[in-house]
C-alpha atoms as a PDB file:
ATOM      1  CA  MET A   1     100.718 118.844  81.966  1.00  0.00           C
ATOM      2  CA  SER A   2     102.839 119.629  85.017  1.00  0.00           C
ATOM      3  CA  LYS A   3     106.569 119.541  84.712  1.00  0.00           C
ATOM      4  CA  ILE A   4     108.467 117.085  86.902  1.00  0.00           C
ATOM      5  CA  SER A   5     110.058 120.054  88.631  1.00  0.00           C
ATOM      6  CA  ASP A   6     106.566 121.300  89.583  1.00  0.00           C
ATOM      7  CA  ALA A   7     105.549 117.995  91.176  1.00  0.00           C
ATOM      8  CA  LEU A   8     105.094 117.850  94.940  1.00  0.00           C
ATOM      9  CA  ILE A   9     107.800 115.718  96.523  1.00  0.00           C
ATOM     10  CA  ILE A  10     106.991 114.142  99.889  1.00  0.00           C
ATOM     11  CA  LEU A  11     109.827 112.467 101.756  1.00  0.00           C
ATOM     12  CA  MET A  12     108.477 110.317 104.585  1.00  0.00           C
ATOM     13  CA  THR A  13     111.339 108.838 106.555  1.00  0.00           C
ATOM     14  CA  ASP A  14     112.141 106.879 109.689  1.00  0.00           C
ATOM     15  CA  LEU A  15     114.701 108.329 112.101  1.00  0.00           C
ATOM     16  CA  ASP A  16     116.613 105.701 114.074  1.00  0.00           C
ATOM     17  CA  GLY A  17     119.325 104.148 111.943  1.00  0.00           C
ATOM     18  CA  THR A  18     118.380 106.298 108.937  1.00  0.00           C
ATOM     19  CA  LEU A  19     118.499 110.051 109.629  1.00  0.00           C
ATOM     20  CA  LEU A  20     119.836 109.520 113.155  1.00  0.00           C
ATOM     21  CA  ASP A  21     123.113 107.804 113.945  1.00  0.00           C
ATOM     22  CA  TYR A  22     122.305 104.469 115.619  1.00  0.00           C
ATOM     23  CA  ASP A  23     124.842 104.857 118.409  1.00  0.00           C
ATOM     24  CA  ASN A  24     124.586 108.523 119.425  1.00  0.00           C
ATOM     25  CA  PHE A  25     121.373 109.731 117.678  1.00  0.00           C
ATOM     26  CA  ASP A  26     123.307 112.560 115.981  1.00  0.00           C
ATOM     27  CA  TYR A  27     121.882 114.134 112.815  1.00  0.00           C
ATOM     28  CA  GLU A  28     124.102 117.210 112.432  1.00  0.00           C
ATOM     29  CA  PRO A  29     125.691 115.952 109.172  1.00  0.00           C
ATOM     30  CA  LEU A  30     122.222 115.870 107.555  1.00  0.00           C
ATOM     31  CA  LYS A  31     120.685 119.023 109.028  1.00  0.00           C
ATOM     32  CA  VAL A  32     122.016 121.473 106.413  1.00  0.00           C
ATOM     33  CA  PHE A  33     120.996 119.171 103.574  1.00  0.00           C
ATOM     34  CA  MET A  34     117.503 118.671 105.008  1.00  0.00           C
ATOM     35  CA  ASN A  35     117.011 122.421 105.399  1.00  0.00           C
ATOM     36  CA  LYS A  36     117.975 122.846 101.752  1.00  0.00           C
ATOM     37  CA  LEU A  37     115.392 120.260 100.752  1.00  0.00           C
ATOM     38  CA  ILE A  38     112.724 121.997 102.828  1.00  0.00           C
ATOM     39  CA  ALA A  39     113.621 125.375 101.314  1.00  0.00           C
ATOM     40  CA  SER A  40     113.289 123.872  97.823  1.00  0.00           C
ATOM     41  CA  GLY A  41     109.716 122.776  98.548  1.00  0.00           C
ATOM     42  CA  VAL A  42     110.275 119.144  99.524  1.00  0.00           C
ATOM     43  CA  VAL A  43     107.857 118.076 102.276  1.00  0.00           C
ATOM     44  CA  ILE A  44     109.783 116.052 104.863  1.00  0.00           C
ATOM     45  CA  ILE A  45     107.683 113.955 107.236  1.00  0.00           C
ATOM     46  CA  PRO A  46     109.446 111.986 109.983  1.00  0.00           C
ATOM     47  CA  ASN A  47     107.580 108.714 110.579  1.00  0.00           C
ATOM     48  CA  SER A  48     108.921 107.033 113.675  1.00  0.00           C
ATOM     49  CA  SER A  49     108.353 104.903 116.747  1.00  0.00           C
ATOM     50  CA  LYS A  50     109.482 107.951 118.728  1.00  0.00           C
ATOM     51  CA  THR A  51     107.079 109.885 120.919  1.00  0.00           C
ATOM     52  CA  SER A  52     105.497 113.233 120.099  1.00  0.00           C
ATOM     53  CA  ALA A  53     107.788 114.858 122.672  1.00  0.00           C
ATOM     54  CA  GLU A  54     110.855 113.417 120.933  1.00  0.00           C
ATOM     55  CA  LEU A  55     109.686 114.473 117.495  1.00  0.00           C
ATOM     56  CA  GLU A  56     108.787 117.986 118.626  1.00  0.00           C
ATOM     57  CA  HIS A  57     112.339 118.262 119.964  1.00  0.00           C
ATOM     58  CA  PHE A  58     113.800 116.908 116.707  1.00  0.00           C
ATOM     59  CA  CYS A  59     111.703 119.122 114.421  1.00  0.00           C
ATOM     60  CA  LYS A  60     112.472 122.397 116.196  1.00  0.00           C
ATOM     61  CA  ASP A  61     115.976 122.338 114.724  1.00  0.00           C
ATOM     62  CA  PHE A  62     114.720 122.937 111.195  1.00  0.00           C
ATOM     63  CA  ASP A  63     113.907 126.140 109.358  1.00  0.00           C
ATOM     64  CA  ALA A  64     110.219 125.283 108.930  1.00  0.00           C
ATOM     65  CA  PRO A  65     107.613 123.363 110.952  1.00  0.00           C
ATOM     66  CA  LEU A  66     107.308 119.695 109.990  1.00  0.00           C
ATOM     67  CA  THR A  67     104.412 117.293 109.883  1.00  0.00           C
ATOM     68  CA  TYR A  68     105.355 114.088 111.701  1.00  0.00           C
ATOM     69  CA  VAL A  69     103.983 110.645 112.579  1.00  0.00           C
ATOM     70  CA  CYS A  70     104.731 109.319 116.062  1.00  0.00           C
ATOM     71  CA  GLU A  71     104.630 106.012 117.930  1.00  0.00           C
ATOM     72  CA  ASN A  72     104.554 103.695 114.908  1.00  0.00           C
ATOM     73  CA  GLY A  73     101.666 105.364 113.096  1.00  0.00           C
ATOM     74  CA  ALA A  74      99.603 106.180 116.182  1.00  0.00           C
ATOM     75  CA  ALA A  75      99.159 109.897 115.466  1.00  0.00           C
ATOM     76  CA  ILE A  76      99.879 112.412 112.697  1.00  0.00           C
ATOM     77  CA  HIS A  77     100.797 115.854 114.033  1.00  0.00           C
ATOM     78  CA  HIS A  78     100.909 119.307 112.416  1.00  0.00           C
ATOM     79  CA  LEU A  79      99.197 118.339 109.171  1.00  0.00           C
ATOM     80  CA  THR A  80      98.843 122.020 108.348  1.00  0.00           C
ATOM     81  CA  ALA A  81     102.604 122.536 108.655  1.00  0.00           C
ATOM     82  CA  ALA A  82     103.233 121.391 105.098  1.00  0.00           C
ATOM     83  CA  ASN A  83     102.977 124.506 102.948  1.00  0.00           C
ATOM     84  CA  ALA A  84     101.619 122.447 100.061  1.00  0.00           C
ATOM     85  CA  LEU A  85      98.660 121.286 102.116  1.00  0.00           C
ATOM     86  CA  LYS A  86      95.232 121.903 100.627  1.00  0.00           C
ATOM     87  CA  SER A  87      93.948 125.249 101.819  1.00  0.00           C
ATOM     88  CA  GLU A  88      90.606 123.802 102.951  1.00  0.00           C
ATOM     89  CA  THR A  89      92.281 121.390 105.358  1.00  0.00           C
ATOM     90  CA  SER A  90      92.054 122.596 108.946  1.00  0.00           C
ATOM     91  CA  ILE A  91      92.641 119.393 110.907  1.00  0.00           C
ATOM     92  CA  ASP A  92      96.077 119.560 112.489  1.00  0.00           C
ATOM     93  CA  ARG A  93      96.186 116.194 114.281  1.00  0.00           C
ATOM     94  CA  ILE A  94      94.787 112.772 113.446  1.00  0.00           C
ATOM     95  CA  VAL A  95      94.924 109.927 115.973  1.00  0.00           C
ATOM     96  CA  LEU A  96      94.973 106.361 114.673  1.00  0.00           C
ATOM     97  CA  GLY A  97      96.151 104.682 117.866  1.00  0.00           C
ATOM     98  CA  LYS A  98      94.411 103.841 121.117  1.00  0.00           C
ATOM     99  CA  PRO A  99      95.389 104.968 124.620  1.00  0.00           C
ATOM    100  CA  ILE A 100      97.592 102.565 126.550  1.00  0.00           C
ATOM    101  CA  SER A 101      94.827 101.960 129.103  1.00  0.00           C
ATOM    102  CA  VAL A 102      92.550 100.693 126.321  1.00  0.00           C
ATOM    103  CA  PHE A 103      94.836  98.241 124.517  1.00  0.00           C
ATOM    104  CA  MET A 104      96.338  96.906 127.755  1.00  0.00           C
ATOM    105  CA  GLY A 105      92.909  95.488 128.520  1.00  0.00           C
ATOM    106  CA  HIS A 106      93.229  93.345 125.396  1.00  0.00           C
ATOM    107  CA  TRP A 107      96.779  92.444 126.400  1.00  0.00           C
ATOM    108  CA  THR A 108      95.951  91.125 129.860  1.00  0.00           C
ATOM    109  CA  GLY A 109      92.652  89.570 128.826  1.00  0.00           C
ATOM    110  CA  CYS A 110      93.653  87.866 125.583  1.00  0.00           C
ATOM    111  CA  ILE A 111      97.409  87.119 125.588  1.00  0.00           C
ATOM    112  CA  SER A 112      98.563  84.080 127.550  1.00  0.00           C
ATOM    113  CA  ALA A 113     100.441  84.643 130.782  1.00  0.00           C
ATOM    114  CA  GLN A 114     103.268  82.459 129.462  1.00  0.00           C
ATOM    115  CA  LEU A 115     103.921  84.951 126.643  1.00  0.00           C
ATOM    116  CA  ARG A 116     103.233  88.066 128.706  1.00  0.00           C
ATOM    117  CA  ASP A 117     105.761  86.945 131.288  1.00  0.00           C
ATOM    118  CA  GLN A 118     108.507  87.114 128.634  1.00  0.00           C
ATOM    119  CA  CYS A 119     107.902  90.861 128.179  1.00  0.00           C
ATOM    120  CA  VAL A 120     109.652  93.353 130.451  1.00  0.00           C
ATOM    121  CA  PHE A 121     108.046  96.762 129.965  1.00  0.00           C
ATOM    122  CA  LEU A 122     110.423  99.693 130.280  1.00  0.00           C
ATOM    123  CA  ASP A 123     107.970 101.801 132.249  1.00  0.00           C
ATOM    124  CA  GLU A 124     108.186  99.183 135.023  1.00  0.00           C
ATOM    125  CA  LEU A 125     111.990  99.474 135.267  1.00  0.00           C
ATOM    126  CA  SER A 126     114.173 101.980 137.079  1.00  0.00           C
ATOM    127  CA  ARG A 127     115.507 105.034 135.261  1.00  0.00           C
ATOM    128  CA  VAL A 128     118.988 103.538 135.384  1.00  0.00           C
ATOM    129  CA  GLU A 129     117.757 100.413 133.596  1.00  0.00           C
ATOM    130  CA  GLN A 130     115.768 102.476 131.074  1.00  0.00           C
ATOM    131  CA  ALA A 131     118.850 104.560 130.316  1.00  0.00           C
ATOM    132  CA  GLN A 132     120.996 101.472 129.801  1.00  0.00           C
ATOM    133  CA  ILE A 133     118.515  99.921 127.391  1.00  0.00           C
ATOM    134  CA  LEU A 134     117.674 103.050 125.371  1.00  0.00           C
ATOM    135  CA  GLY A 135     121.064 104.754 125.476  1.00  0.00           C
ATOM    136  CA  LEU A 136     119.405 107.968 126.689  1.00  0.00           C
ATOM    137  CA  GLU A 137     119.444 110.004 129.876  1.00  0.00           C
ATOM    138  CA  ASN A 138     117.945 113.056 131.569  1.00  0.00           C
ATOM    139  CA  ALA A 139     115.502 115.053 129.395  1.00  0.00           C
ATOM    140  CA  ALA A 140     116.027 112.792 126.374  1.00  0.00           C
ATOM    141  CA  LEU A 141     114.991 109.784 128.451  1.00  0.00           C
ATOM    142  CA  ASP A 142     111.939 111.668 129.745  1.00  0.00           C
ATOM    143  CA  ARG A 143     110.853 112.428 126.179  1.00  0.00           C
ATOM    144  CA  ALA A 144     111.319 108.809 125.098  1.00  0.00           C
ATOM    145  CA  MET A 145     109.219 107.493 127.975  1.00  0.00           C
ATOM    146  CA  ASN A 146     106.418 110.040 127.521  1.00  0.00           C
ATOM    147  CA  ARG A 147     104.180 107.642 125.604  1.00  0.00           C
ATOM    148  CA  GLU A 148     100.465 107.830 124.876  1.00  0.00           C
ATOM    149  CA  TYR A 149      99.850 104.979 122.429  1.00  0.00           C
ATOM    150  CA  SER A 150     102.609 102.377 122.866  1.00  0.00           C
ATOM    151  CA  ARG A 151     104.679 100.560 125.484  1.00  0.00           C
ATOM    152  CA  PRO A 152     108.290  99.584 124.763  1.00  0.00           C
ATOM    153  CA  PHE A 153     109.458  96.257 126.167  1.00  0.00           C
ATOM    154  CA  VAL A 154     112.372  93.853 126.164  1.00  0.00           C
ATOM    155  CA  PHE A 155     111.436  90.335 125.093  1.00  0.00           C
ATOM    156  CA  GLU A 156     113.229  87.635 127.054  1.00  0.00           C
ATOM    157  CA  GLY A 157     111.803  84.581 125.309  1.00  0.00           C
ATOM    158  CA  SER A 158     112.907  82.580 122.295  1.00  0.00           C
ATOM    159  CA  GLU A 159     112.492  83.516 118.645  1.00  0.00           C
ATOM    160  CA  ASP A 160     109.652  81.013 118.350  1.00  0.00           C
ATOM    161  CA  GLU A 161     107.917  82.546 121.356  1.00  0.00           C
ATOM    162  CA  PHE A 162     108.266  86.016 119.860  1.00  0.00           C
ATOM    163  CA  HIS A 163     106.564  84.847 116.651  1.00  0.00           C
ATOM    164  CA  ARG A 164     103.785  83.307 118.728  1.00  0.00           C
ATOM    165  CA  LEU A 165     103.407  86.592 120.608  1.00  0.00           C
ATOM    166  CA  HIS A 166     103.288  88.541 117.342  1.00  0.00           C
ATOM    167  CA  ASP A 167     100.612  86.247 115.892  1.00  0.00           C
ATOM    168  CA  ALA A 168      98.534  86.327 119.076  1.00  0.00           C
ATOM    169  CA  ALA A 169      98.717  90.119 119.207  1.00  0.00           C
ATOM    170  CA  ASN A 170      97.465  90.436 115.626  1.00  0.00           C
ATOM    171  CA  LYS A 171      94.591  88.098 116.405  1.00  0.00           C
ATOM    172  CA  PHE A 172      93.382  90.358 119.213  1.00  0.00           C
ATOM    173  CA  ASP A 173      93.735  93.755 117.495  1.00  0.00           C
ATOM    174  CA  LEU A 174      97.191  94.452 118.930  1.00  0.00           C
ATOM    175  CA  ASN A 175     100.522  95.065 117.243  1.00  0.00           C
ATOM    176  CA  VAL A 176     103.980  93.941 118.336  1.00  0.00           C
ATOM    177  CA  VAL A 177     106.924  95.517 116.499  1.00  0.00           C
ATOM    178  CA  ARG A 178     110.570  94.641 117.044  1.00  0.00           C
ATOM    179  CA  GLY A 179     112.991  97.555 116.874  1.00  0.00           C
ATOM    180  CA  GLY A 180     116.732  97.939 117.169  1.00  0.00           C
ATOM    181  CA  ARG A 181     116.815  98.274 120.960  1.00  0.00           C
ATOM    182  CA  VAL A 182     113.342  97.315 122.149  1.00  0.00           C
ATOM    183  CA  SER A 183     110.037  95.972 120.911  1.00  0.00           C
ATOM    184  CA  GLN A 184     106.806  97.970 121.023  1.00  0.00           C
ATOM    185  CA  LEU A 185     103.278  97.001 121.971  1.00  0.00           C
ATOM    186  CA  SER A 186     100.375  99.077 120.654  1.00  0.00           C
ATOM    187  CA  ALA A 187      96.930  98.840 119.144  1.00  0.00           C
ATOM    188  CA  ASN A 188      96.784  97.421 115.633  1.00  0.00           C
ATOM    189  CA  HIS A 189      98.444 100.188 113.572  1.00  0.00           C
ATOM    190  CA  ASP A 190     101.834 100.758 111.981  1.00  0.00           C
ATOM    191  CA  LYS A 191     103.861 103.430 110.216  1.00  0.00           C
ATOM    192  CA  ALA A 192     102.390 102.608 106.804  1.00  0.00           C
ATOM    193  CA  ASP A 193      98.837 103.442 107.914  1.00  0.00           C
ATOM    194  CA  SER A 194      99.580 107.169 107.781  1.00  0.00           C
ATOM    195  CA  ILE A 195     100.727 107.208 104.158  1.00  0.00           C
ATOM    196  CA  ALA A 196      97.278 107.238 102.552  1.00  0.00           C
ATOM    197  CA  ILE A 197      96.057 109.926 104.966  1.00  0.00           C
ATOM    198  CA  VAL A 198      99.008 112.192 104.222  1.00  0.00           C
ATOM    199  CA  ARG A 199      98.653 111.628 100.480  1.00  0.00           C
ATOM    200  CA  GLU A 200      94.967 112.544 100.616  1.00  0.00           C
ATOM    201  CA  ALA A 201      95.709 115.690 102.614  1.00  0.00           C
ATOM    202  CA  MET A 202      98.285 116.960 100.129  1.00  0.00           C
END
C-alpha cells in the first residue's frame, strides 16, 4: 500500500481572484511558495478563462513547465509537462472547445435578437474601451484578446434577461459564463470538463 507521502497530488486552480490579485493581477507573493510545491512533486494545473497566450506568459515564471487549461475548459495544453504523466502518453494538447466561427453560427441562428442585443462583445470595441473593462493594456491586453474558443462580452440587460440568455445558450449547445469583469460565450464546455481527462492522463 502506498504511503500518503507517495501519493500524487494534483492542484488544479483558477487564477483571477485566487492566485492572482483581483485588482492588479499580481502573484509575486505566491510565486516562491508555488515553486516549492512544484519542486516537491505537486502537479499544479492552472484552469482559467484566460487565453493560451496569457497562460503561457504566466507559466514561464515557474521553475518547471506547467500543464494548463485555457478559455473555460476549451483546451488542455502541455499534458506531457507533468513529470508524473504516464510514460505512454504522447498527446500534448486536447481541444474540447469549438472555434469562434463555428459556435457563432449557433449564436446568430438560435438566440433571439432581443437577447443578443444586450451583449456587447469586447472584440467589437476600441482598445481604449477594452482596456477600461479588463484593466489591462499593451501586450497584456493583446494576450487577453487573443481568443480561439470564446468571446468575452458585457451584458447590458437585466438579471432576468441574463438567466434567459443562459438557459437559451444551454439549449443550443452554447455556454454563457459570468465572470468578475465580463461574461464569456463559448461552445458548451466548462472548466470542470478537463478534470476527468487530466485524472486519466496521470
